Amino acid sequence: MLSFSEIRKEFDASLTGITSYRSMIKEYLQCKILEFVYRGPFKNRLVFLGGTKLRLLNNFRRFSDDLDFDLSVVYDSNDHLALCEYLVKEFHNQNINAEIDQDKKIREFDVQTRYINFPTILELAGLKDLPGRKFFIKIDAQKHDFGSYSYEVETQLINRFDVFTPVNCAPDSMILATKLCSILERSKGRDFYDIVELVKTTKPDIDYIS
């Protein structure tokens, strides 16, 4: 694991305080998870998408907490548990204390949701937070129902911190199309921000919208 001082070099020096420091460390751990996923047995089963994809691979300024994956094959709750167990083992191999959270509610129906907790990560970084406050990363995997629509999986390279790995991900045109449709159903600032940034470099996938 990189030291916190090495992690912090990746960010603007004006970002200070425990909230920012937590986000920095979380982003590092997210990158490590992507490294483990796409260098391991799950690499052809999971397709990275969502806000964290835009943050880590497109360099959007907005921090994003969760890791979201689309599914390219049949995948159930046992698979998701196996994924998280594999990730915990990989973190232990790098001397990072990690565990599958047993307290937070999991989902095992339409979306497979689990949380990986890092109980000593802030202490390892020399930081203090509120007593009892957990440090976890939420991992969602869902087979999205797009009807007759389908997209071609792209490969993008993540080159952050000490991670240099090709990642299977959804195309930006598809993500933009989903964001445009989502603002008709919900009003979240993060969607508007992502749309504004995405339209600078891509056009929405009209096949998805239609």
Protein backbone atom coordinates (compact mmCIF):
# COMPACT_ATOMS: atom_id res chain seq x y z
CA MET A 1 0.00 0.00 0.00
CA LEU A 2 1.15 3.51 -0.75
CA SER A 3 1.68 5.82 2.20
CA PHE A 4 -0.88 8.55 2.75
CA SER A 5 1.67 11.18 1.75
CA GLU A 6 2.11 9.39 -1.58
CA ILE A 7 -1.66 9.12 -2.07
CA ARG A 8 -2.15 12.80 -1.29
CA LYS A 9 0.30 13.84 -4.02
CA GLU A 10 -2.36 12.84 -6.57
CA PHE A 11 -4.72 15.57 -5.36
CA ASP A 12 -4.85 19.35 -5.19
CA ALA A 13 -2.97 20.65 -2.15
CA SER A 14 -5.96 22.83 -1.24
CA LEU A 15 -7.97 19.72 -0.31
CA THR A 16 -7.61 19.34 3.45
CA GLY A 17 -9.59 17.96 6.38
CA ILE A 18 -10.77 14.49 7.31
CA THR A 19 -13.61 14.43 4.75
CA SER A 20 -11.19 15.11 1.89
CA TYR A 21 -8.61 12.72 3.30
CA ARG A 22 -11.20 9.94 3.54
CA SER A 23 -12.14 10.54 -0.11
CA MET A 24 -8.50 10.37 -1.18
CA ILE A 25 -7.90 7.06 0.56
CA LYS A 26 -11.20 5.67 -0.69
CA GLU A 27 -10.24 6.57 -4.24
CA TYR A 28 -6.95 4.74 -3.85
CA LEU A 29 -8.75 1.65 -2.56
CA GLN A 30 -11.25 1.86 -5.43
CA CYS A 31 -8.34 1.78 -7.87
CA LYS A 32 -6.88 -1.24 -6.09
CA ILE A 33 -10.24 -3.03 -6.35
CA LEU A 34 -10.31 -2.38 -10.09
CA GLU A 35 -6.78 -3.73 -10.34
CA PHE A 36 -7.77 -6.90 -8.48
CA VAL A 37 -10.98 -7.35 -10.49
CA TYR A 38 -9.45 -6.88 -13.94
CA ARG A 39 -6.33 -8.92 -13.26
CA GLY A 40 -8.28 -11.74 -11.69
CA PRO A 41 -10.99 -14.34 -12.34
CA PHE A 42 -13.86 -11.84 -12.53
CA LYS A 43 -12.43 -9.65 -15.29
CA ASN A 44 -14.68 -10.98 -18.06
CA ARG A 45 -17.82 -10.92 -15.94
CA LEU A 46 -17.98 -7.32 -14.73
CA VAL A 47 -18.32 -4.11 -16.77
CA PHE A 48 -17.42 -0.89 -14.96
CA LEU A 49 -19.84 2.03 -15.27
CA GLY A 50 -21.37 4.87 -13.27
CA GLY A 51 -20.08 7.97 -11.55
CA THR A 52 -16.92 6.39 -10.20
CA LYS A 53 -16.02 5.25 -13.70
CA LEU A 54 -16.26 8.87 -14.83
CA ARG A 55 -14.13 9.99 -11.90
CA LEU A 56 -11.36 7.42 -12.20
CA LEU A 57 -11.16 6.93 -15.97
CA ASN A 58 -12.41 10.29 -17.30
CA ASN A 59 -10.87 12.44 -14.56
CA PHE A 60 -14.12 14.16 -13.59
CA ARG A 61 -13.70 16.42 -10.58
CA ARG A 62 -16.62 14.97 -8.62
CA PHE A 63 -15.68 12.38 -6.01
CA SER A 64 -17.83 9.25 -6.19
CA ASP A 65 -18.25 6.68 -3.43
CA ASP A 66 -19.54 3.44 -4.94
CA LEU A 67 -18.24 0.97 -7.49
CA ASP A 68 -20.95 0.00 -9.98
CA PHE A 69 -20.72 -2.89 -12.41
CA ASP A 70 -22.94 -4.15 -15.19
CA LEU A 71 -22.93 -7.90 -15.77
CA SER A 72 -21.96 -9.66 -18.98
CA VAL A 73 -22.89 -13.15 -17.74
CA VAL A 74 -25.20 -14.88 -15.26
CA TYR A 75 -24.19 -13.72 -11.78
CA ASP A 76 -25.94 -14.27 -8.46
CA SER A 77 -25.50 -13.56 -4.74
CA ASN A 78 -23.01 -16.41 -4.35
CA ASP A 79 -20.88 -14.93 -7.12
CA HIS A 80 -20.98 -11.51 -5.50
CA LEU A 81 -19.97 -12.94 -2.15
CA ALA A 82 -17.13 -14.81 -3.88
CA LEU A 83 -16.01 -11.56 -5.50
CA CYS A 84 -15.88 -9.76 -2.16
CA GLU A 85 -14.06 -12.67 -0.51
CA TYR A 86 -11.53 -12.59 -3.33
CA LEU A 87 -11.05 -8.82 -2.89
CA VAL A 88 -10.55 -9.18 0.86
CA LYS A 89 -7.91 -11.85 0.25
CA GLU A 90 -6.10 -9.63 -2.27
CA PHE A 91 -6.06 -6.73 0.18
CA HIS A 92 -4.67 -8.99 2.89
CA ASN A 93 -1.93 -10.05 0.46
CA GLN A 94 -0.93 -6.38 0.32
CA ASN A 95 -1.07 -5.99 4.11
CA ILE A 96 -4.32 -4.00 4.03
CA ASN A 97 -6.84 -5.05 6.67
CA ALA A 98 -10.18 -5.62 4.95
CA GLU A 99 -13.35 -7.53 5.77
CA ILE A 100 -16.82 -8.06 4.38
CA ASP A 101 -19.12 -5.85 6.43
CA GLN A 102 -21.61 -7.91 8.44
CA ASP A 103 -23.77 -5.03 9.71
CA LYS A 104 -24.88 -3.07 6.67
CA LYS A 105 -27.92 -4.30 4.78
CA ILE A 106 -27.11 -6.22 1.61
CA ARG A 107 -29.21 -6.66 -1.50
CA GLU A 108 -29.42 -9.93 -3.39
CA PHE A 109 -32.33 -9.50 -5.78
CA ASP A 110 -32.24 -7.02 -8.65
CA VAL A 111 -28.91 -5.55 -7.52
CA GLN A 112 -26.14 -7.48 -5.80
CA THR A 113 -24.82 -5.19 -3.06
CA ARG A 114 -22.13 -5.77 -0.47
CA TYR A 115 -19.74 -3.60 1.51
CA ILE A 116 -16.06 -4.08 2.20
CA ASN A 117 -14.92 -2.51 5.44
CA PHE A 118 -11.38 -1.28 6.15
CA PRO A 119 -11.25 -1.08 9.96
CA THR A 120 -7.67 0.16 10.41
CA ILE A 121 -7.06 2.08 7.20
CA LEU A 122 -7.18 5.58 8.71
CA GLU A 123 -4.97 4.57 11.60
CA LEU A 124 -2.49 3.15 9.09
CA ALA A 125 -2.55 6.51 7.31
CA GLY A 126 -1.94 8.37 10.57
CA LEU A 127 -5.41 9.95 10.59
CA LYS A 128 -8.14 10.14 13.22
CA ASP A 129 -11.88 10.15 12.63
CA LEU A 130 -14.99 9.98 14.79
CA PRO A 131 -14.91 6.94 17.11
CA GLY A 132 -16.82 4.00 15.68
CA ARG A 133 -17.19 5.51 12.21
CA LYS A 134 -16.70 2.85 9.58
CA PHE A 135 -14.63 3.15 6.44
CA PHE A 136 -16.22 1.05 3.73
CA ILE A 137 -16.63 0.77 -0.02
CA LYS A 138 -19.96 -0.27 -1.52
CA ILE A 139 -19.82 -2.65 -4.47
CA ASP A 140 -22.89 -3.04 -6.68
CA ALA A 141 -23.33 -5.50 -9.53
CA GLN A 142 -26.50 -5.53 -11.61
CA LYS A 143 -27.66 -7.02 -14.88
CA HIS A 144 -29.23 -3.91 -16.38
CA ASP A 145 -32.34 -4.54 -18.44
CA PHE A 146 -31.97 -2.50 -21.60
CA GLY A 147 -34.55 -4.44 -23.58
CA SER A 148 -33.37 -4.94 -27.15
CA TYR A 149 -30.57 -2.40 -26.68
CA SER A 150 -27.00 -3.56 -26.18
CA TYR A 151 -23.64 -1.82 -26.13
CA GLU A 152 -20.11 -2.80 -26.98
CA VAL A 153 -17.81 -3.06 -24.00
CA GLU A 154 -14.74 -0.83 -24.23
CA THR A 155 -11.34 -1.19 -22.64
CA GLN A 156 -9.81 1.83 -20.94
CA LEU A 157 -6.56 2.03 -19.05
CA ILE A 158 -6.54 3.13 -15.44
CA ASN A 159 -3.24 4.78 -14.54
CA ARG A 160 -3.62 6.14 -11.03
CA PHE A 161 -1.42 5.84 -7.95
CA ASP A 162 0.39 2.48 -8.29
CA VAL A 163 -2.34 0.97 -10.46
CA PHE A 164 -1.86 0.43 -14.20
CA THR A 165 -4.54 -1.91 -15.51
CA PRO A 166 -6.92 -2.25 -18.50
CA VAL A 167 -10.55 -2.02 -17.38
CA ASN A 168 -13.66 -3.30 -19.16
CA CYS A 169 -16.19 -0.49 -19.09
CA ALA A 170 -19.36 0.87 -20.63
CA PRO A 171 -18.89 3.48 -23.40
CA ASP A 172 -19.34 7.14 -22.51
CA SER A 173 -22.07 7.50 -25.14
CA MET A 174 -24.17 4.93 -23.32
CA ILE A 175 -23.50 6.48 -19.89
CA LEU A 176 -24.50 9.89 -21.23
CA ALA A 177 -27.72 8.46 -22.63
CA THR A 178 -28.60 6.87 -19.28
CA LYS A 179 -27.88 10.16 -17.49
CA LEU A 180 -30.14 12.11 -19.86
CA CYS A 181 -32.96 9.64 -19.27
CA SER A 182 -32.42 9.58 -15.51
CA ILE A 183 -32.92 13.34 -15.06
CA LEU A 184 -36.48 12.87 -16.31
CA GLU A 185 -37.15 10.61 -13.32
CA ARG A 186 -34.99 12.17 -10.62
CA SER A 187 -33.33 15.50 -9.98
CA LYS A 188 -29.81 14.99 -8.70
CA GLY A 189 -27.02 17.50 -9.08
CA ARG A 190 -24.49 14.79 -9.80
CA ASP A 191 -26.39 13.76 -12.94
CA PHE A 192 -26.45 17.31 -14.29
CA TYR A 193 -22.74 17.70 -13.56
CA ASP A 194 -21.91 14.44 -15.34
CA ILE A 195 -24.02 15.42 -18.35
CA VAL A 196 -22.33 18.82 -18.66
CA GLU A 197 -18.91 17.16 -18.61
CA LEU A 198 -19.80 14.27 -20.90
CA VAL A 199 -21.27 16.41 -23.70
CA LYS A 200 -17.88 18.10 -24.03
CA THR A 201 -16.38 14.92 -25.45
CA THR A 202 -19.16 12.57 -26.56
CA LYS A 203 -22.66 12.31 -27.96
CA PRO A 204 -25.45 10.24 -26.42
CA ASP A 205 -26.21 6.82 -27.83
CA ILE A 206 -29.46 7.50 -29.66
CA ASP A 207 -30.23 3.78 -29.87
CA TYR A 208 -30.51 3.71 -26.08
CA ILE A 209 -32.74 6.80 -25.91
CA SER A 210 -35.04 5.59 -28.66
